[in-house]
């Protein structure tokens, strides 16, 4: 029983760094995608405001 517990901890210790890096990669990619989405929304809003100001200035 003690050997089984020891082997389990060794397996967990071997997998933990990979799981941590996978989580870190996931968080970084998630933030990049969310940032891109926010940037595109801000660009659309800027373009919308710019076209609205051009429409009022040409009248």
N, C-alpha and C. Protein backbone atom coordinates (compact mmCIF):
# COMPACT_ATOMS: atom_id res chain seq x y z
N UNK A 1 0.83 -1.20 0.00
CA UNK A 1 0.00 0.00 0.00
C UNK A 1 0.87 1.26 0.00
N UNK A 2 1.94 1.21 0.76
CA UNK A 2 2.83 2.36 0.85
C UNK A 2 3.51 2.63 -0.50
N UNK A 3 3.87 1.54 -1.22
CA UNK A 3 4.49 1.71 -2.53
C UNK A 3 3.51 2.33 -3.53
N UNK A 4 2.26 1.94 -3.45
CA UNK A 4 1.24 2.48 -4.34
C UNK A 4 1.06 3.98 -4.09
N UNK A 5 1.02 4.37 -2.82
CA UNK A 5 0.90 5.78 -2.47
C UNK A 5 2.12 6.56 -2.94
N UNK A 6 3.29 5.99 -2.77
CA UNK A 6 4.53 6.64 -3.20
C UNK A 6 4.54 6.82 -4.72
N UNK A 7 4.13 5.77 -5.43
CA UNK A 7 4.09 5.86 -6.90
C UNK A 7 3.07 6.91 -7.35
N UNK A 8 1.97 6.98 -6.66
CA UNK A 8 0.95 7.99 -6.99
C UNK A 8 1.48 9.40 -6.84
N UNK A 9 2.21 9.65 -5.76
CA UNK A 9 2.79 10.97 -5.55
C UNK A 9 3.87 11.27 -6.59
N UNK A 10 4.62 10.27 -6.99
CA UNK A 10 5.64 10.48 -8.02
C UNK A 10 5.00 10.83 -9.37
N UNK A 11 3.92 10.14 -9.69
CA UNK A 11 3.21 10.45 -10.94
C UNK A 11 2.63 11.85 -10.89
N UNK A 12 2.02 12.20 -9.78
CA UNK A 12 1.46 13.55 -9.61
C UNK A 12 2.56 14.61 -9.71
N UNK A 13 3.69 14.36 -9.08
CA UNK A 13 4.81 15.30 -9.12
C UNK A 13 5.35 15.45 -10.55
N UNK A 14 5.28 14.39 -11.33
CA UNK A 14 5.76 14.46 -12.71
C UNK A 14 4.78 15.20 -13.61
N UNK A 15 3.49 15.08 -13.33
CA UNK A 15 2.48 15.71 -14.18
C UNK A 15 2.15 17.15 -13.80
N UNK A 16 2.40 17.52 -12.58
CA UNK A 16 2.02 18.84 -12.10
C UNK A 16 2.67 19.99 -12.88
N UNK A 17 3.95 19.96 -13.23
CA UNK A 17 4.51 21.07 -14.02
C UNK A 17 3.85 21.20 -15.40
N UNK A 18 3.55 20.08 -16.04
CA UNK A 18 2.90 20.14 -17.34
C UNK A 18 1.49 20.71 -17.23
N UNK A 19 0.78 20.32 -16.20
CA UNK A 19 -0.57 20.84 -15.99
C UNK A 19 -0.51 22.33 -15.70
N UNK A 20 0.47 22.76 -14.92
CA UNK A 20 0.63 24.18 -14.63
C UNK A 20 0.94 24.99 -15.88
N UNK A 21 1.80 24.47 -16.73
CA UNK A 21 2.12 25.17 -17.97
C UNK A 21 0.92 25.21 -18.92
N UNK A 22 0.16 24.14 -18.96
CA UNK A 22 -1.05 24.11 -19.78
C UNK A 22 -2.04 25.15 -19.30
N UNK A 23 -2.21 25.26 -17.99
CA UNK A 23 -3.11 26.27 -17.44
C UNK A 23 -2.61 27.68 -17.77
N UNK A 24 -1.32 27.92 -17.62
CA UNK A 24 -0.75 29.22 -17.93
C UNK A 24 -0.94 29.57 -19.41
N UNK A 25 -0.71 28.61 -20.29
CA UNK A 25 -0.91 28.81 -21.72
C UNK A 25 -2.37 29.16 -22.01
N UNK A 26 -3.29 28.43 -21.36
CA UNK A 26 -4.72 28.67 -21.56
C UNK A 26 -5.08 30.09 -21.14
N UNK A 27 -4.60 30.53 -19.98
CA UNK A 27 -4.92 31.87 -19.49
C UNK A 27 -4.36 32.94 -20.42
N UNK A 28 -3.14 32.75 -20.89
CA UNK A 28 -2.53 33.74 -21.78
C UNK A 28 -3.29 33.83 -23.10
N UNK A 29 -3.61 32.70 -23.69
CA UNK A 29 -4.34 32.70 -24.97
C UNK A 29 -5.74 33.29 -24.78
N UNK A 30 -6.38 32.96 -23.67
CA UNK A 30 -7.71 33.51 -23.39
C UNK A 30 -7.67 35.03 -23.30
N UNK A 31 -6.67 35.56 -22.60
CA UNK A 31 -6.55 37.02 -22.48
C UNK A 31 -6.22 37.66 -23.83
N UNK A 32 -5.43 36.99 -24.64
CA UNK A 32 -5.12 37.54 -25.97
C UNK A 32 -6.38 37.61 -26.83
N UNK A 33 -7.19 36.58 -26.78
CA UNK A 33 -8.42 36.56 -27.58
C UNK A 33 -9.40 37.61 -27.08
N UNK A 34 -9.54 37.73 -25.76
CA UNK A 34 -10.44 38.74 -25.20
C UNK A 34 -9.95 40.15 -25.53
N UNK A 35 -8.65 40.36 -25.47
CA UNK A 35 -8.09 41.67 -25.81
C UNK A 35 -8.32 42.01 -27.27
N UNK A 36 -8.18 41.02 -28.14
CA UNK A 36 -8.43 41.24 -29.56
C UNK A 36 -9.90 41.58 -29.80
N UNK A 37 -10.78 40.89 -29.09
CA UNK A 37 -12.21 41.16 -29.24
C UNK A 37 -12.54 42.57 -28.79
N UNK A 38 -11.95 43.00 -27.65
CA UNK A 38 -12.19 44.36 -27.17
C UNK A 38 -11.61 45.40 -28.13
N UNK A 39 -10.44 45.10 -28.69
CA UNK A 39 -9.82 46.05 -29.63
C UNK A 39 -10.66 46.19 -30.89
N UNK A 40 -11.18 45.07 -31.39
CA UNK A 40 -12.04 45.15 -32.58
C UNK A 40 -13.32 45.91 -32.29
N UNK A 41 -13.91 45.71 -31.11
CA UNK A 41 -15.12 46.45 -30.75
C UNK A 41 -14.83 47.94 -30.63
N UNK A 42 -13.70 48.30 -30.04
CA UNK A 42 -13.32 49.71 -29.92
C UNK A 42 -13.07 50.31 -31.30
N UNK A 43 -12.46 49.54 -32.20
CA UNK A 43 -12.20 50.05 -33.55
C UNK A 43 -13.52 50.26 -34.30
N UNK A 44 -14.46 49.32 -34.14
CA UNK A 44 -15.77 49.50 -34.77
C UNK A 44 -16.48 50.74 -34.24
N UNK A 45 -16.42 50.96 -32.93
CA UNK A 45 -17.05 52.13 -32.33
C UNK A 45 -16.38 53.41 -32.82
N UNK A 46 -15.06 53.41 -32.91
CA UNK A 46 -14.34 54.57 -33.41
C UNK A 46 -14.72 54.86 -34.86
N UNK A 47 -14.77 53.82 -35.69
CA UNK A 47 -15.15 54.00 -37.09
C UNK A 47 -16.58 54.51 -37.20
N UNK A 48 -17.46 54.00 -36.34
CA UNK A 48 -18.86 54.44 -36.35
C UNK A 48 -18.96 55.91 -35.98
N UNK A 49 -18.22 56.33 -34.95
CA UNK A 49 -18.24 57.74 -34.54
C UNK A 49 -17.62 58.62 -35.61
N UNK A 50 -16.57 58.14 -36.24
CA UNK A 50 -15.91 58.92 -37.28
C UNK A 50 -16.82 59.10 -38.49
N UNK A 51 -17.50 58.03 -38.88
CA UNK A 51 -18.40 58.16 -40.03
C UNK A 51 -19.61 59.04 -39.68
N UNK A 52 -20.05 58.99 -38.43
CA UNK A 52 -21.17 59.84 -38.02
C UNK A 52 -20.75 61.31 -38.03
N UNK A 53 -19.53 61.61 -37.61
CA UNK A 53 -19.07 63.00 -37.61
C UNK A 53 -18.84 63.49 -39.04
N UNK A 54 -18.42 62.61 -39.94
CA UNK A 54 -18.26 62.99 -41.34
C UNK A 54 -19.61 63.26 -41.98
N UNK A 55 -20.62 62.48 -41.60
CA UNK A 55 -21.97 62.68 -42.16
C UNK A 55 -22.53 64.03 -41.72
N UNK A 56 -22.32 64.41 -40.48
CA UNK A 56 -22.86 65.69 -40.00
C UNK A 56 -22.05 66.87 -40.54
N UNK A 57 -20.78 66.67 -40.81
CA UNK A 57 -19.97 67.79 -41.29
C UNK A 57 -20.19 68.02 -42.80
N UNK A 58 -20.63 67.03 -43.54
CA UNK A 58 -20.85 67.21 -44.98
C UNK A 58 -22.22 67.79 -45.27
N UNK A 59 -23.08 67.85 -44.29
CA UNK A 59 -24.43 68.40 -44.53
C UNK A 59 -24.45 69.88 -44.48
